[in-house]
Amino acid sequence: MKKFLTSYLNLSFLLTAFIFSLLITDKGVSENTFINKPDFKFEKKLKDKLCSRFFPKPVVRINGGYANGSIAFYNLSISNYRYYHNKLFQPAPDLNLCEKDENASRTWVHIWNQRRKELYVICNLKKASDLQNLWFPICGDELKKTPFIRVIIWDKKCDRPFISNLIPLKPVKPKLIYPKNNEKFSNFPRTVTLKWSSVPGARSYTVEIDCFHCCKENKWCRDVGKVFHIKKALRGNTYTFEFPGAQPGRWRVWAVDKYGREGFKSEWRYFEYLR
């Protein structure tokens, strides 16, 4: 019985080897076998060490921006850019071209809103340090529907997206129009009308006026932790006030959106009443 089983197993092995040999062609393994064709794209990914390397989610900071008509331009930076390898931003002409740019990098930066709608794409970065200075535009109508954004650093070669948390998108700073910086006045009563530009996404504006000598001699009120005058909930782009004395003053403006979030503050602009 033992001898019979041994002979049966040997015969089965030889029969299996014969059948398998019939499936082998002079060009290699037949397409009809259970062995799949090699996935060259997958093998290419395996050879690229960046495809298996860990990269953190981007830490995004909105540094400010400006308005040009109904369009707001925001400046972003990725605080942890040093954790991203420079090779991620090498030119990749073998990938889909971005805006017909043959030098588009393998890794793109996508800007999404809170509903994952794409707002903008940046595809021509050259090195990781370029992540420190990113700009993107957004029109006023879209801004009203976009309280938050996400930034996605997307390695197209490995198809690996690195997605940030939601970032609040507050209004950009207004442009100050009148009076000009360091302007001097001699009119009395000391009445002046401030003017500034509109900001996309603003529901109202806040004006702050500061006074030199008013809270402490040779000091601005802000410098000693006090506020001289603030006017909130202004619906227009002007504000008229009367200054208290013949001394220097300064002013600044910021927008407030429909969510009650204060935007970026403008720079201080200085003036002086001579009498």
Protein backbone atom coordinates (compact mmCIF):
# COMPACT_ATOMS: atom_id res chain seq x y z
CA MET A 1 0.00 0.00 0.00
CA LYS A 2 2.82 2.34 0.91
CA LYS A 3 4.54 1.59 -2.38
CA PHE A 4 1.34 2.34 -4.29
CA LEU A 5 0.90 5.75 -2.62
CA THR A 6 4.50 6.70 -3.40
CA SER A 7 4.06 5.80 -7.08
CA TYR A 8 0.78 7.75 -7.23
CA LEU A 9 2.36 10.89 -5.78
CA ASN A 10 5.32 10.70 -8.16
CA LEU A 11 2.96 10.32 -11.12
CA SER A 12 0.86 13.31 -9.97
CA PHE A 13 3.95 15.48 -9.65
CA LEU A 14 5.18 14.56 -13.14
CA LEU A 15 1.75 15.22 -14.65
CA THR A 16 1.56 18.66 -12.99
CA ALA A 17 5.05 19.57 -14.22
CA PHE A 18 4.12 18.48 -17.76
CA ILE A 19 0.95 20.60 -17.84
CA PHE A 20 2.80 23.66 -16.51
CA SER A 21 5.56 23.26 -19.13
CA LEU A 22 2.94 23.41 -21.88
CA LEU A 23 1.95 26.88 -20.67
CA ILE A 24 5.48 28.22 -21.00
CA THR A 25 6.31 29.84 -24.34
CA ASP A 26 9.63 30.97 -25.70
CA LYS A 27 8.59 34.52 -24.76
CA GLY A 28 8.02 33.71 -21.11
CA VAL A 29 4.87 32.93 -19.19
CA SER A 30 1.71 32.70 -21.26
CA GLU A 31 -0.93 35.41 -20.83
CA ASN A 32 -3.43 32.61 -20.07
CA THR A 33 -1.72 31.40 -16.90
CA PHE A 34 -2.61 32.46 -13.39
CA ILE A 35 0.54 34.60 -13.30
CA ASN A 36 -0.30 38.28 -14.04
CA LYS A 37 1.68 40.57 -16.26
CA PRO A 38 4.10 42.75 -14.28
CA ASP A 39 2.64 46.10 -13.23
CA PHE A 40 5.46 48.37 -14.37
CA LYS A 41 3.78 51.47 -12.91
CA PHE A 42 3.55 49.75 -9.53
CA GLU A 43 7.14 48.54 -9.80
CA LYS A 44 8.22 52.11 -10.57
CA LYS A 45 6.51 53.26 -7.41
CA LEU A 46 8.30 50.59 -5.42
CA LYS A 47 11.64 51.77 -6.79
CA ASP A 48 10.85 55.36 -5.76
CA LYS A 49 11.73 55.51 -2.08
CA LEU A 50 9.67 58.66 -1.63
CA CYS A 51 6.53 56.61 -2.22
CA SER A 52 7.02 54.78 1.07
CA ARG A 53 8.57 57.60 3.06
CA PHE A 54 6.52 59.27 5.80
CA PHE A 55 5.60 62.94 5.37
CA PRO A 56 3.47 64.84 7.90
CA LYS A 57 0.26 66.73 7.19
CA PRO A 58 1.06 70.35 6.24
CA VAL A 59 0.87 72.95 8.98
CA VAL A 60 -0.61 76.01 7.29
CA ARG A 61 -0.35 79.66 8.26
CA ILE A 62 -2.21 82.48 6.52
CA ASN A 63 0.12 85.48 6.62
CA GLY A 64 -2.25 88.05 5.16
CA GLY A 65 -3.12 89.35 1.74
CA TYR A 66 -4.60 92.20 -0.21
CA ALA A 67 -7.64 93.04 -2.30
CA ASN A 68 -7.75 94.04 -5.95
CA GLY A 69 -11.31 94.98 -6.78
CA SER A 70 -13.58 92.01 -6.06
CA ILE A 71 -10.70 89.53 -5.79
CA ALA A 72 -8.77 88.78 -2.60
CA PHE A 73 -5.20 87.45 -2.79
CA TYR A 74 -3.98 85.41 0.17
CA ASN A 75 -0.43 84.55 1.17
CA LEU A 76 0.14 81.14 2.78
CA SER A 77 3.15 79.37 4.23
CA ILE A 78 3.72 75.76 5.27
CA SER A 79 5.46 75.96 8.63
CA ASN A 80 6.82 72.41 8.51
CA TYR A 81 8.13 72.64 4.93
CA ARG A 82 11.52 71.27 6.05
CA TYR A 83 9.95 67.82 6.46
CA TYR A 84 9.25 67.60 2.70
CA HIS A 85 12.03 66.33 0.46
CA ASN A 86 13.27 68.56 -2.37
CA LYS A 87 12.94 65.63 -4.79
CA LEU A 88 9.18 65.91 -4.42
CA PHE A 89 9.38 69.13 -6.44
CA GLN A 90 11.55 67.97 -9.34
CA PRO A 91 10.16 68.48 -12.86
CA ALA A 92 8.00 65.56 -13.98
CA PRO A 93 7.32 65.86 -17.75
CA ASP A 94 6.10 62.24 -17.83
CA LEU A 95 3.07 63.16 -15.71
CA ASN A 96 0.00 65.07 -16.77
CA LEU A 97 1.02 68.64 -17.58
CA CYS A 98 -0.31 71.46 -15.47
CA GLU A 99 -1.41 74.45 -17.53
CA LYS A 100 0.82 73.20 -20.39
CA ASP A 101 3.90 73.71 -18.23
CA GLU A 102 6.52 71.11 -19.17
CA ASN A 103 8.46 71.99 -16.02
CA ALA A 104 5.56 71.28 -13.70
CA SER A 105 6.76 69.45 -10.61
CA ARG A 106 5.71 65.97 -9.54
CA THR A 107 4.08 67.45 -6.43
CA TRP A 108 1.32 70.05 -6.63
CA VAL A 109 -0.37 72.19 -4.00
CA HIS A 110 -4.17 72.22 -4.08
CA ILE A 111 -6.36 74.72 -2.22
CA TRP A 112 -9.79 73.35 -1.28
CA ASN A 113 -12.69 74.92 0.57
CA GLN A 114 -14.42 73.21 3.50
CA ARG A 115 -16.64 71.25 1.07
CA ARG A 116 -13.60 69.88 -0.78
CA LYS A 117 -14.22 72.13 -3.77
CA GLU A 118 -10.98 73.03 -5.49
CA LEU A 119 -10.23 76.75 -5.48
CA TYR A 120 -6.69 76.86 -6.90
CA VAL A 121 -3.71 74.71 -7.92
CA ILE A 122 -0.01 75.54 -7.72
CA CYS A 123 2.09 73.15 -9.80
CA ASN A 124 5.38 74.91 -10.56
CA LEU A 125 7.24 74.71 -7.25
CA LYS A 126 10.95 73.94 -7.54
CA LYS A 127 11.96 73.06 -3.97
CA ALA A 128 10.45 72.48 -0.56
CA SER A 129 11.35 75.97 0.67
CA ASP A 130 8.96 77.38 -1.98
CA LEU A 131 6.20 76.25 0.37
CA GLN A 132 7.03 79.26 2.53
CA ASN A 133 5.49 81.68 0.04
CA LEU A 134 2.28 80.54 -1.64
CA TRP A 135 -0.32 82.89 -3.14
CA PHE A 136 -3.83 82.12 -4.30
CA PRO A 137 -6.77 84.32 -5.46
CA ILE A 138 -10.44 83.99 -4.59
CA CYS A 139 -13.33 86.14 -5.80
CA GLY A 140 -15.68 87.86 -3.40
CA ASP A 141 -18.72 85.69 -4.17
CA GLU A 142 -16.74 82.52 -3.54
CA LEU A 143 -15.14 84.00 -0.42
CA LYS A 144 -18.57 84.53 1.14
CA LYS A 145 -19.14 80.77 0.88
CA THR A 146 -15.66 79.82 2.07
CA PRO A 147 -15.14 80.26 5.81
CA PHE A 148 -12.38 77.62 5.80
CA ILE A 149 -9.78 76.16 3.44
CA ARG A 150 -7.59 73.07 3.30
CA VAL A 151 -4.14 72.79 1.72
CA ILE A 152 -3.23 69.51 0.02
CA ILE A 153 0.37 68.72 -0.92
CA TRP A 154 -0.15 66.02 -3.56
CA ASP A 155 2.66 63.83 -4.86
CA LYS A 156 1.27 62.97 -8.31
CA LYS A 157 3.94 60.40 -9.07
CA CYS A 158 3.02 58.25 -6.07
CA ASP A 159 -0.57 59.54 -5.90
CA ARG A 160 -0.12 60.47 -2.23
CA PRO A 161 -2.00 63.51 -0.87
CA PHE A 162 -0.96 65.12 2.42
CA ILE A 163 -3.97 67.04 3.72
CA SER A 164 -3.97 69.86 6.25
CA ASN A 165 -6.58 70.66 8.87
CA LEU A 166 -9.28 73.24 8.10
CA ILE A 167 -7.89 76.80 8.29
CA PRO A 168 -10.14 79.84 8.94
CA LEU A 169 -10.09 82.27 6.01
CA LYS A 170 -10.59 85.74 7.45
CA PRO A 171 -10.79 88.98 5.40
CA VAL A 172 -7.65 90.59 3.98
CA LYS A 173 -6.61 94.04 5.14
CA PRO A 174 -8.15 97.16 3.54
CA LYS A 175 -6.05 99.65 1.62
CA LEU A 176 -5.92 103.06 3.31
CA ILE A 177 -6.77 105.93 0.97
CA TYR A 178 -7.08 109.20 2.92
CA PRO A 179 -5.43 110.97 4.62
CA LYS A 180 -1.98 110.20 3.26
CA ASN A 181 0.68 109.07 5.67
CA ASN A 182 2.24 111.86 7.80
CA GLU A 183 -0.23 114.44 6.51
CA LYS A 184 -0.46 117.65 8.56
CA PHE A 185 -3.67 119.60 9.22
CA SER A 186 -4.36 123.10 10.51
CA ASN A 187 -8.14 123.28 10.15
CA PHE A 188 -10.34 123.98 13.14
CA PRO A 189 -12.49 122.39 14.32
CA ARG A 190 -10.23 119.36 13.90
CA THR A 191 -12.59 117.29 11.79
CA VAL A 192 -11.25 114.73 9.33
CA THR A 193 -12.84 111.99 7.20
CA LEU A 194 -10.97 108.70 6.87
CA LYS A 195 -11.30 106.66 3.66
CA TRP A 196 -10.29 103.09 2.78
CA SER A 197 -10.95 100.50 0.07
CA SER A 198 -13.57 97.76 0.15
CA VAL A 199 -12.55 94.21 1.05
CA PRO A 200 -14.15 91.07 -0.50
CA GLY A 201 -16.18 89.15 2.06
CA ALA A 202 -16.48 92.06 4.52
CA ARG A 203 -19.80 92.66 6.27
CA SER A 204 -18.56 95.68 8.26
CA TYR A 205 -15.40 97.58 9.19
CA THR A 206 -13.74 98.67 12.43
CA VAL A 207 -11.67 101.85 12.72
CA GLU A 208 -9.17 102.48 15.51
CA ILE A 209 -7.77 105.97 16.21
CA ASP A 210 -4.79 106.44 18.49
CA CYS A 211 -3.48 109.65 20.06
CA PHE A 212 0.03 110.74 21.07
CA HIS A 213 0.23 112.34 24.57
CA CYS A 214 -3.47 111.65 25.25
CA CYS A 215 -3.00 108.74 27.69
CA LYS A 216 0.58 109.42 28.77
CA GLU A 217 3.13 112.06 27.80
CA ASN A 218 5.31 111.08 24.86
CA LYS A 219 3.43 107.79 24.45
CA TRP A 220 0.72 106.41 22.21
CA CYS A 221 -2.28 105.08 24.10
CA ARG A 222 -1.70 101.61 22.63
CA ASP A 223 1.86 101.65 23.97
CA VAL A 224 0.55 101.89 27.54
CA GLY A 225 -2.15 99.27 27.07
CA LYS A 226 -5.07 101.62 26.44
CA VAL A 227 -7.43 102.24 23.55
CA PHE A 228 -8.10 105.85 22.61
CA HIS A 229 -11.06 105.36 20.24
CA ILE A 230 -12.60 102.47 18.29
CA LYS A 231 -15.66 102.61 16.04
CA LYS A 232 -17.21 99.27 15.08
CA ALA A 233 -19.91 98.04 12.68
CA LEU A 234 -19.24 100.63 9.96
CA ARG A 235 -21.08 99.61 6.80
CA GLY A 236 -19.34 102.02 4.46
CA ASN A 237 -15.75 102.92 3.60
CA THR A 238 -15.51 106.26 5.40
CA TYR A 239 -15.56 107.57 8.96
CA THR A 240 -15.63 111.21 10.11
CA PHE A 241 -14.38 112.20 13.56
CA GLU A 242 -13.06 115.21 15.49
CA PHE A 243 -9.53 114.96 16.89
CA PRO A 244 -9.05 116.36 20.45
CA GLY A 245 -5.91 118.50 20.20
CA ALA A 246 -2.91 119.90 18.35
CA GLN A 247 -0.81 116.75 18.44
CA PRO A 248 0.01 113.62 16.43
CA GLY A 249 -2.52 110.90 15.74
CA ARG A 250 -2.72 107.64 13.81
CA TRP A 251 -5.41 105.30 12.49
CA ARG A 252 -5.97 101.82 11.07
CA VAL A 253 -8.87 99.73 9.75
CA TRP A 254 -9.87 96.07 9.54
CA ALA A 255 -12.81 94.19 8.08
CA VAL A 256 -15.23 91.87 9.87
CA ASP A 257 -16.92 89.02 7.97
CA LYS A 258 -20.44 87.62 8.34
CA TYR A 259 -19.19 85.10 10.91
CA GLY A 260 -17.98 87.94 13.16
CA ARG A 261 -14.31 87.18 12.53
CA GLU A 262 -11.94 90.14 12.46
CA GLY A 263 -9.74 90.34 9.39
CA PHE A 264 -6.13 91.34 9.05
CA LYS A 265 -5.47 94.84 10.35
CA SER A 266 -4.09 97.52 8.04
CA GLU A 267 -0.87 99.28 8.87
CA TRP A 268 -0.97 102.39 11.05
CA ARG A 269 -1.19 105.65 9.12
CA TYR A 270 -0.01 108.83 10.86
CA PHE A 271 -1.23 112.44 10.79
CA GLU A 272 -0.75 115.58 12.92
CA TYR A 273 -2.83 118.62 13.84
CA LEU A 274 -0.70 121.77 14.11
CA ARG A 275 -3.27 123.84 15.99
